[in-house]
Amino acid sequence: MSEKPASFLAAFPAIQSAIKIYGDLQGMRIQFDVPESEMGEAVKLLMWRERVLRLTVEPEVMNHKTLAGQEDASL
């Protein structure tokens, strides 16, 4: 089993349920879209399905563009 970290670009999907917060103290669920060009790294997650993961998430600086190449409206 690989212990090297997986590092890849991803974005929140354009759906309302991309981030779900549960009211019964069970936490939250987060979904990401991973482009085809990043799947080689993202597939490492399959090896860790049964494990607890430590996540560090940071915004990628891409000249204020989204993964789809559109201007980021939040800036």
N, C-alpha and C. Protein backbone atom coordinates (compact mmCIF):
# COMPACT_ATOMS: atom_id res chain seq x y z
N MET A 1 0.84 -1.18 0.00
CA MET A 1 0.00 0.00 0.00
C MET A 1 0.88 1.25 0.00
N SER A 2 0.61 2.18 -0.90
CA SER A 2 1.41 3.39 -1.00
C SER A 2 1.12 4.34 0.16
N GLU A 3 2.16 4.84 0.78
CA GLU A 3 2.00 5.82 1.85
C GLU A 3 2.37 7.22 1.39
N LYS A 4 2.74 7.38 0.12
CA LYS A 4 3.03 8.70 -0.41
C LYS A 4 1.72 9.46 -0.56
N PRO A 5 1.69 10.74 -0.19
CA PRO A 5 0.44 11.49 -0.28
C PRO A 5 -0.03 11.63 -1.73
N ALA A 6 -1.33 11.72 -1.88
CA ALA A 6 -1.93 12.00 -3.17
C ALA A 6 -2.13 13.50 -3.27
N SER A 7 -1.73 14.10 -4.36
CA SER A 7 -1.89 15.54 -4.56
C SER A 7 -2.44 15.75 -5.96
N PHE A 8 -3.62 16.37 -6.04
CA PHE A 8 -4.25 16.58 -7.33
C PHE A 8 -5.20 17.77 -7.26
N LEU A 9 -5.50 18.33 -8.42
CA LEU A 9 -6.45 19.43 -8.51
C LEU A 9 -7.86 18.87 -8.55
N ALA A 10 -8.77 19.58 -7.92
CA ALA A 10 -10.18 19.20 -7.91
C ALA A 10 -10.99 20.47 -7.67
N ALA A 11 -12.28 20.38 -7.90
CA ALA A 11 -13.17 21.52 -7.68
C ALA A 11 -14.50 21.00 -7.16
N PHE A 12 -15.24 21.88 -6.52
CA PHE A 12 -16.59 21.52 -6.10
C PHE A 12 -17.46 21.40 -7.34
N PRO A 13 -18.29 20.37 -7.44
CA PRO A 13 -19.19 20.27 -8.58
C PRO A 13 -20.25 21.37 -8.51
N ALA A 14 -20.80 21.70 -9.65
CA ALA A 14 -21.82 22.75 -9.72
C ALA A 14 -23.19 22.20 -9.36
N ILE A 15 -23.26 21.62 -8.16
CA ILE A 15 -24.53 21.10 -7.65
C ILE A 15 -24.73 21.63 -6.24
N GLN A 16 -25.97 21.75 -5.84
CA GLN A 16 -26.28 22.31 -4.52
C GLN A 16 -25.78 21.42 -3.39
N SER A 17 -25.69 20.13 -3.62
CA SER A 17 -25.32 19.20 -2.56
C SER A 17 -23.82 18.89 -2.51
N ALA A 18 -22.98 19.74 -3.08
CA ALA A 18 -21.53 19.50 -3.05
C ALA A 18 -20.99 19.46 -1.62
N ILE A 19 -21.57 20.27 -0.75
CA ILE A 19 -21.19 20.27 0.67
C ILE A 19 -22.47 20.09 1.48
N LYS A 20 -22.55 18.99 2.21
CA LYS A 20 -23.72 18.70 3.04
C LYS A 20 -23.29 18.74 4.50
N ILE A 21 -24.03 19.46 5.31
CA ILE A 21 -23.78 19.50 6.75
C ILE A 21 -24.95 18.82 7.44
N TYR A 22 -24.65 17.82 8.23
CA TYR A 22 -25.69 17.05 8.91
C TYR A 22 -26.00 17.66 10.26
N GLY A 23 -27.28 17.73 10.61
CA GLY A 23 -27.71 18.34 11.87
C GLY A 23 -27.70 17.40 13.03
N ASP A 24 -27.38 16.13 12.82
CA ASP A 24 -27.42 15.15 13.90
C ASP A 24 -26.03 14.80 14.42
N LEU A 25 -25.13 15.78 14.37
CA LEU A 25 -23.77 15.65 14.89
C LEU A 25 -22.94 14.57 14.19
N GLN A 26 -23.28 14.25 12.94
CA GLN A 26 -22.50 13.27 12.19
C GLN A 26 -21.48 13.94 11.27
N GLY A 27 -21.40 15.25 11.29
CA GLY A 27 -20.37 15.93 10.51
C GLY A 27 -20.86 16.44 9.17
N MET A 28 -20.03 16.27 8.15
CA MET A 28 -20.37 16.77 6.82
C MET A 28 -19.83 15.83 5.75
N ARG A 29 -20.39 15.97 4.55
CA ARG A 29 -19.95 15.21 3.38
C ARG A 29 -19.57 16.22 2.31
N ILE A 30 -18.42 15.99 1.69
CA ILE A 30 -17.91 16.90 0.66
C ILE A 30 -17.64 16.10 -0.60
N GLN A 31 -18.08 16.65 -1.74
CA GLN A 31 -17.83 16.01 -3.03
C GLN A 31 -16.91 16.91 -3.85
N PHE A 32 -16.05 16.28 -4.66
CA PHE A 32 -15.15 17.00 -5.55
C PHE A 32 -15.24 16.43 -6.96
N ASP A 33 -15.09 17.28 -7.96
CA ASP A 33 -14.90 16.85 -9.34
C ASP A 33 -13.41 16.84 -9.61
N VAL A 34 -12.92 15.74 -10.16
CA VAL A 34 -11.51 15.60 -10.49
C VAL A 34 -11.39 15.49 -12.01
N PRO A 35 -10.64 16.40 -12.65
CA PRO A 35 -10.51 16.31 -14.11
C PRO A 35 -9.71 15.08 -14.52
N GLU A 36 -9.93 14.65 -15.74
CA GLU A 36 -9.24 13.46 -16.29
C GLU A 36 -7.73 13.56 -16.13
N SER A 37 -7.18 14.76 -16.30
CA SER A 37 -5.73 14.94 -16.22
C SER A 37 -5.17 14.70 -14.82
N GLU A 38 -6.01 14.67 -13.80
CA GLU A 38 -5.57 14.49 -12.41
C GLU A 38 -5.90 13.10 -11.86
N MET A 39 -6.55 12.27 -12.66
CA MET A 39 -7.02 10.98 -12.16
C MET A 39 -5.90 10.04 -11.75
N GLY A 40 -4.74 10.15 -12.34
CA GLY A 40 -3.62 9.30 -11.97
C GLY A 40 -3.27 9.42 -10.49
N GLU A 41 -3.31 10.61 -9.97
CA GLU A 41 -3.05 10.83 -8.54
C GLU A 41 -4.28 10.52 -7.70
N ALA A 42 -5.44 10.92 -8.17
CA ALA A 42 -6.66 10.75 -7.40
C ALA A 42 -7.01 9.28 -7.19
N VAL A 43 -6.60 8.42 -8.10
CA VAL A 43 -6.93 7.00 -7.99
C VAL A 43 -6.26 6.36 -6.77
N LYS A 44 -5.24 7.01 -6.23
CA LYS A 44 -4.61 6.51 -4.99
C LYS A 44 -5.62 6.41 -3.86
N LEU A 45 -6.66 7.23 -3.90
CA LEU A 45 -7.67 7.20 -2.84
C LEU A 45 -8.37 5.84 -2.76
N LEU A 46 -8.43 5.13 -3.86
CA LEU A 46 -9.06 3.81 -3.86
C LEU A 46 -8.35 2.83 -2.92
N MET A 47 -7.04 2.98 -2.80
CA MET A 47 -6.27 2.10 -1.92
C MET A 47 -6.55 2.39 -0.45
N TRP A 48 -7.07 3.57 -0.16
CA TRP A 48 -7.25 3.99 1.23
C TRP A 48 -8.72 4.05 1.62
N ARG A 49 -9.60 3.32 0.91
CA ARG A 49 -11.05 3.38 1.18
C ARG A 49 -11.39 3.03 2.62
N GLU A 50 -10.68 2.13 3.23
CA GLU A 50 -11.00 1.65 4.58
C GLU A 50 -10.22 2.41 5.67
N ARG A 51 -9.51 3.46 5.30
CA ARG A 51 -8.66 4.16 6.26
C ARG A 51 -9.17 5.56 6.55
N VAL A 52 -8.80 6.07 7.69
CA VAL A 52 -9.06 7.47 8.02
C VAL A 52 -8.01 8.30 7.30
N LEU A 53 -8.42 9.37 6.66
CA LEU A 53 -7.50 10.22 5.91
C LEU A 53 -7.36 11.58 6.58
N ARG A 54 -6.18 12.16 6.50
CA ARG A 54 -5.95 13.54 6.94
C ARG A 54 -5.91 14.39 5.68
N LEU A 55 -6.79 15.37 5.60
CA LEU A 55 -6.88 16.22 4.42
C LEU A 55 -6.37 17.62 4.70
N THR A 56 -5.63 18.14 3.77
CA THR A 56 -5.23 19.55 3.77
C THR A 56 -5.67 20.09 2.42
N VAL A 57 -6.50 21.10 2.43
CA VAL A 57 -7.04 21.66 1.19
C VAL A 57 -6.62 23.11 1.08
N GLU A 58 -6.15 23.50 -0.08
CA GLU A 58 -5.77 24.89 -0.31
C GLU A 58 -6.16 25.28 -1.73
N PRO A 59 -6.53 26.54 -1.93
CA PRO A 59 -6.89 26.97 -3.28
C PRO A 59 -5.67 27.02 -4.18
N GLU A 60 -5.85 26.59 -5.42
CA GLU A 60 -4.79 26.63 -6.42
C GLU A 60 -4.82 28.00 -7.09
N VAL A 61 -3.66 28.60 -7.27
CA VAL A 61 -3.58 29.89 -7.95
C VAL A 61 -3.39 29.61 -9.43
N MET A 62 -4.43 29.90 -10.21
CA MET A 62 -4.40 29.66 -11.65
C MET A 62 -4.87 30.92 -12.38
N ASN A 63 -4.31 32.05 -12.04
CA ASN A 63 -4.72 33.32 -12.64
C ASN A 63 -6.22 33.55 -12.50
N HIS A 64 -6.77 33.20 -11.32
CA HIS A 64 -8.17 33.43 -11.00
C HIS A 64 -9.12 32.71 -11.94
N LYS A 65 -8.75 31.54 -12.40
CA LYS A 65 -9.62 30.74 -13.26
C LYS A 65 -10.04 29.46 -12.53
N THR A 66 -11.19 28.93 -12.92
CA THR A 66 -11.66 27.67 -12.37
C THR A 66 -11.05 26.53 -13.19
N LEU A 67 -11.30 25.28 -12.76
CA LEU A 67 -10.80 24.13 -13.53
C LEU A 67 -11.40 24.08 -14.92
N ALA A 68 -12.60 24.66 -15.09
CA ALA A 68 -13.24 24.68 -16.41
C ALA A 68 -12.71 25.82 -17.27
N GLY A 69 -11.78 26.64 -16.74
CA GLY A 69 -11.20 27.72 -17.51
C GLY A 69 -11.97 29.02 -17.46
N GLN A 70 -13.01 29.07 -16.63
CA GLN A 70 -13.82 30.27 -16.51
C GLN A 70 -13.25 31.17 -15.43
N GLU A 71 -13.55 32.45 -15.52
CA GLU A 71 -13.12 33.39 -14.47
C GLU A 71 -13.80 33.03 -13.17
N ASP A 72 -13.08 33.11 -12.07
CA ASP A 72 -13.60 32.82 -10.75
C ASP A 72 -14.40 34.02 -10.27
N ALA A 73 -15.70 33.86 -10.15
CA ALA A 73 -16.59 34.95 -9.77
C ALA A 73 -16.43 35.35 -8.31
N SER A 74 -15.78 34.52 -7.49
CA SER A 74 -15.64 34.83 -6.06
C SER A 74 -14.51 35.80 -5.78
N LEU A 75 -13.74 36.16 -6.80
CA LEU A 75 -12.59 37.06 -6.57
C LEU A 75 -12.91 38.47 -6.94
